[in-house]
Amino acid sequence: MHDADIKRGEVTQKALELIATVDEALAHMDKQLTELRVEDFWPLFRDFLLAVAALADNWEYYVTSDSDRQRIVEATRAFAAAYDEFDKIAASGQAPAIQAALNDRLVPAYQAWKAALFNS
């Protein structure tokens, strides 16, 4: 096995662990918004974005085919667009609106982005 394959396996394992944590965080953020705890939502949301950035940074180096890279780029653009929509709605500070934007826009885009990463 080549060093690159070993490194990719290590990165994949760490990414899978991080993804599981991120998925749990999304469920917890939804609960916070249901309970109208917007002030508790934002620190966890920031951590969610940092985790997504860490995943994106690591995967860029290990994608080998152009079709995989293109699929990830497209999913990343869709996720960024969903984040922009979420951000505009979140500016209202209203928990129900933030929760709807999270569940209806951001989470589906995140799930598609995650699928693109793990199908590469």
C-alpha atoms as a PDB file:
ATOM      1  CA  MET A   1       0.000   0.000   0.000  1.00  0.00           C
ATOM      2  CA  HIS A   2       1.362   3.417  -0.928  1.00  0.00           C
ATOM      3  CA  ASP A   3       1.805   6.220   1.575  1.00  0.00           C
ATOM      4  CA  ALA A   4      -0.849   8.223  -0.273  1.00  0.00           C
ATOM      5  CA  ASP A   5      -3.362   5.387   0.162  1.00  0.00           C
ATOM      6  CA  ILE A   6      -2.551   5.109   3.870  1.00  0.00           C
ATOM      7  CA  LYS A   7      -2.888   8.872   4.296  1.00  0.00           C
ATOM      8  CA  ARG A   8      -6.194   8.885   2.407  1.00  0.00           C
ATOM      9  CA  GLY A   9      -7.472   6.093   4.657  1.00  0.00           C
ATOM     10  CA  GLU A  10      -6.491   8.067   7.760  1.00  0.00           C
ATOM     11  CA  VAL A  11      -8.132  11.236   6.449  1.00  0.00           C
ATOM     12  CA  THR A  12     -11.264   9.307   5.507  1.00  0.00           C
ATOM     13  CA  GLN A  13     -11.512   7.755   8.979  1.00  0.00           C
ATOM     14  CA  LYS A  14     -11.121  11.133  10.684  1.00  0.00           C
ATOM     15  CA  ALA A  15     -13.613  12.676   8.277  1.00  0.00           C
ATOM     16  CA  LEU A  16     -16.173   9.968   9.047  1.00  0.00           C
ATOM     17  CA  GLU A  17     -15.754  10.633  12.766  1.00  0.00           C
ATOM     18  CA  LEU A  18     -16.128  14.374  12.212  1.00  0.00           C
ATOM     19  CA  ILE A  19     -19.185  13.860   9.989  1.00  0.00           C
ATOM     20  CA  ALA A  20     -20.881  11.840  12.738  1.00  0.00           C
ATOM     21  CA  THR A  21     -20.221  14.669  15.194  1.00  0.00           C
ATOM     22  CA  VAL A  22     -21.491  17.272  12.724  1.00  0.00           C
ATOM     23  CA  ASP A  23     -24.676  15.283  12.125  1.00  0.00           C
ATOM     24  CA  GLU A  24     -25.281  15.130  15.887  1.00  0.00           C
ATOM     25  CA  ALA A  25     -24.645  18.867  16.124  1.00  0.00           C
ATOM     26  CA  LEU A  26     -27.263  19.554  13.442  1.00  0.00           C
ATOM     27  CA  ALA A  27     -29.853  17.647  15.455  1.00  0.00           C
ATOM     28  CA  HIS A  28     -28.849  19.549  18.586  1.00  0.00           C
ATOM     29  CA  MET A  29     -29.044  22.910  16.779  1.00  0.00           C
ATOM     30  CA  ASP A  30     -32.548  22.051  15.594  1.00  0.00           C
ATOM     31  CA  LYS A  31     -33.523  21.266  19.192  1.00  0.00           C
ATOM     32  CA  GLN A  32     -32.079  24.567  20.410  1.00  0.00           C
ATOM     33  CA  LEU A  33     -34.156  26.452  17.871  1.00  0.00           C
ATOM     34  CA  THR A  34     -37.283  24.474  18.787  1.00  0.00           C
ATOM     35  CA  GLU A  35     -36.690  25.607  22.369  1.00  0.00           C
ATOM     36  CA  LEU A  36     -36.164  29.196  21.114  1.00  0.00           C
ATOM     37  CA  ARG A  37     -32.584  29.193  22.426  1.00  0.00           C
ATOM     38  CA  VAL A  38     -31.132  31.227  19.576  1.00  0.00           C
ATOM     39  CA  GLU A  39     -28.229  32.503  21.699  1.00  0.00           C
ATOM     40  CA  ASP A  40     -27.134  28.897  22.328  1.00  0.00           C
ATOM     41  CA  PHE A  41     -27.499  28.041  18.644  1.00  0.00           C
ATOM     42  CA  TRP A  42     -24.853  30.411  17.261  1.00  0.00           C
ATOM     43  CA  PRO A  43     -21.708  28.979  18.937  1.00  0.00           C
ATOM     44  CA  LEU A  44     -22.634  25.478  17.786  1.00  0.00           C
ATOM     45  CA  PHE A  45     -23.439  26.775  14.317  1.00  0.00           C
ATOM     46  CA  ARG A  46     -19.996  28.401  14.155  1.00  0.00           C
ATOM     47  CA  ASP A  47     -18.432  25.054  15.097  1.00  0.00           C
ATOM     48  CA  PHE A  48     -20.508  23.397  12.358  1.00  0.00           C
ATOM     49  CA  LEU A  49     -19.096  25.808   9.770  1.00  0.00           C
ATOM     50  CA  LEU A  50     -15.535  25.264  11.024  1.00  0.00           C
ATOM     51  CA  ALA A  51     -15.984  21.488  10.763  1.00  0.00           C
ATOM     52  CA  VAL A  52     -17.319  21.791   7.220  1.00  0.00           C
ATOM     53  CA  ALA A  53     -14.321  23.962   6.313  1.00  0.00           C
ATOM     54  CA  ALA A  54     -11.927  21.391   7.796  1.00  0.00           C
ATOM     55  CA  LEU A  55     -13.563  18.624   5.788  1.00  0.00           C
ATOM     56  CA  ALA A  56     -13.375  20.683   2.607  1.00  0.00           C
ATOM     57  CA  ASP A  57      -9.715  21.563   3.145  1.00  0.00           C
ATOM     58  CA  ASN A  58      -8.686  17.949   3.621  1.00  0.00           C
ATOM     59  CA  TRP A  59     -10.715  16.448   0.807  1.00  0.00           C
ATOM     60  CA  GLU A  60      -9.427  18.818  -1.842  1.00  0.00           C
ATOM     61  CA  TYR A  61      -5.997  17.194  -1.604  1.00  0.00           C
ATOM     62  CA  TYR A  62      -7.184  13.598  -1.946  1.00  0.00           C
ATOM     63  CA  VAL A  63      -9.611  13.786  -4.855  1.00  0.00           C
ATOM     64  CA  THR A  64      -7.991  12.126  -7.838  1.00  0.00           C
ATOM     65  CA  SER A  65     -10.395  12.349 -10.760  1.00  0.00           C
ATOM     66  CA  ASP A  66     -11.713  15.416 -12.516  1.00  0.00           C
ATOM     67  CA  SER A  67     -15.285  14.117 -12.361  1.00  0.00           C
ATOM     68  CA  ASP A  68     -15.043  13.714  -8.562  1.00  0.00           C
ATOM     69  CA  ARG A  69     -13.535  17.167  -8.251  1.00  0.00           C
ATOM     70  CA  GLN A  70     -16.277  18.673 -10.432  1.00  0.00           C
ATOM     71  CA  ARG A  71     -19.021  16.963  -8.406  1.00  0.00           C
ATOM     72  CA  ILE A  72     -17.545  18.314  -5.167  1.00  0.00           C
ATOM     73  CA  VAL A  73     -17.134  21.808  -6.634  1.00  0.00           C
ATOM     74  CA  GLU A  74     -20.779  21.844  -7.737  1.00  0.00           C
ATOM     75  CA  ALA A  75     -21.974  20.588  -4.344  1.00  0.00           C
ATOM     76  CA  THR A  76     -19.790  23.180  -2.618  1.00  0.00           C
ATOM     77  CA  ARG A  77     -21.287  25.963  -4.730  1.00  0.00           C
ATOM     78  CA  ALA A  78     -24.803  24.749  -3.912  1.00  0.00           C
ATOM     79  CA  PHE A  79     -23.914  24.601  -0.211  1.00  0.00           C
ATOM     80  CA  ALA A  80     -22.487  28.135  -0.369  1.00  0.00           C
ATOM     81  CA  ALA A  81     -25.660  29.390  -2.068  1.00  0.00           C
ATOM     82  CA  ALA A  82     -27.801  27.692   0.585  1.00  0.00           C
ATOM     83  CA  TYR A  83     -25.642  29.276   3.281  1.00  0.00           C
ATOM     84  CA  ASP A  84     -26.156  32.719   1.716  1.00  0.00           C
ATOM     85  CA  GLU A  85     -29.926  32.184   1.784  1.00  0.00           C
ATOM     86  CA  PHE A  86     -29.724  30.923   5.362  1.00  0.00           C
ATOM     87  CA  ASP A  87     -27.626  33.922   6.391  1.00  0.00           C
ATOM     88  CA  LYS A  88     -30.165  36.407   5.030  1.00  0.00           C
ATOM     89  CA  ILE A  89     -33.007  34.687   6.877  1.00  0.00           C
ATOM     90  CA  ALA A  90     -30.952  34.254  10.061  1.00  0.00           C
ATOM     91  CA  ALA A  91     -30.423  38.008  10.235  1.00  0.00           C
ATOM     92  CA  SER A  92     -34.023  38.241  11.441  1.00  0.00           C
ATOM     93  CA  GLY A  93     -33.007  36.624  14.725  1.00  0.00           C
ATOM     94  CA  GLN A  94     -36.316  34.750  14.788  1.00  0.00           C
ATOM     95  CA  ALA A  95     -35.845  31.141  15.905  1.00  0.00           C
ATOM     96  CA  PRO A  96     -38.698  29.679  13.779  1.00  0.00           C
ATOM     97  CA  ALA A  97     -37.390  31.367  10.614  1.00  0.00           C
ATOM     98  CA  ILE A  98     -33.818  30.294  11.368  1.00  0.00           C
ATOM     99  CA  GLN A  99     -34.976  26.740  12.041  1.00  0.00           C
ATOM    100  CA  ALA A 100     -36.928  26.596   8.778  1.00  0.00           C
ATOM    101  CA  ALA A 101     -33.943  27.924   6.818  1.00  0.00           C
ATOM    102  CA  LEU A 102     -31.647  25.447   8.542  1.00  0.00           C
ATOM    103  CA  ASN A 103     -33.871  22.433   7.889  1.00  0.00           C
ATOM    104  CA  ASP A 104     -35.250  23.395   4.481  1.00  0.00           C
ATOM    105  CA  ARG A 105     -32.169  24.899   2.846  1.00  0.00           C
ATOM    106  CA  LEU A 106     -28.900  24.420   4.663  1.00  0.00           C
ATOM    107  CA  VAL A 107     -29.204  20.817   5.874  1.00  0.00           C
ATOM    108  CA  PRO A 108     -30.239  19.397   2.462  1.00  0.00           C
ATOM    109  CA  ALA A 109     -27.348  21.244   0.798  1.00  0.00           C
ATOM    110  CA  TYR A 110     -24.979  19.958   3.484  1.00  0.00           C
ATOM    111  CA  GLN A 111     -26.246  16.385   2.983  1.00  0.00           C
ATOM    112  CA  ALA A 112     -25.689  16.641  -0.790  1.00  0.00           C
ATOM    113  CA  TRP A 113     -22.220  18.101  -0.214  1.00  0.00           C
ATOM    114  CA  LYS A 114     -21.391  15.309   2.237  1.00  0.00           C
ATOM    115  CA  ALA A 115     -22.560  12.699  -0.300  1.00  0.00           C
ATOM    116  CA  ALA A 116     -20.345  14.277  -2.969  1.00  0.00           C
ATOM    117  CA  LEU A 117     -17.337  14.064  -0.657  1.00  0.00           C
ATOM    118  CA  PHE A 118     -17.863  10.447   0.272  1.00  0.00           C
ATOM    119  CA  ASN A 119     -18.681   9.294  -3.248  1.00  0.00           C
ATOM    120  CA  SER A 120     -15.378  10.568  -4.572  1.00  0.00           C
END
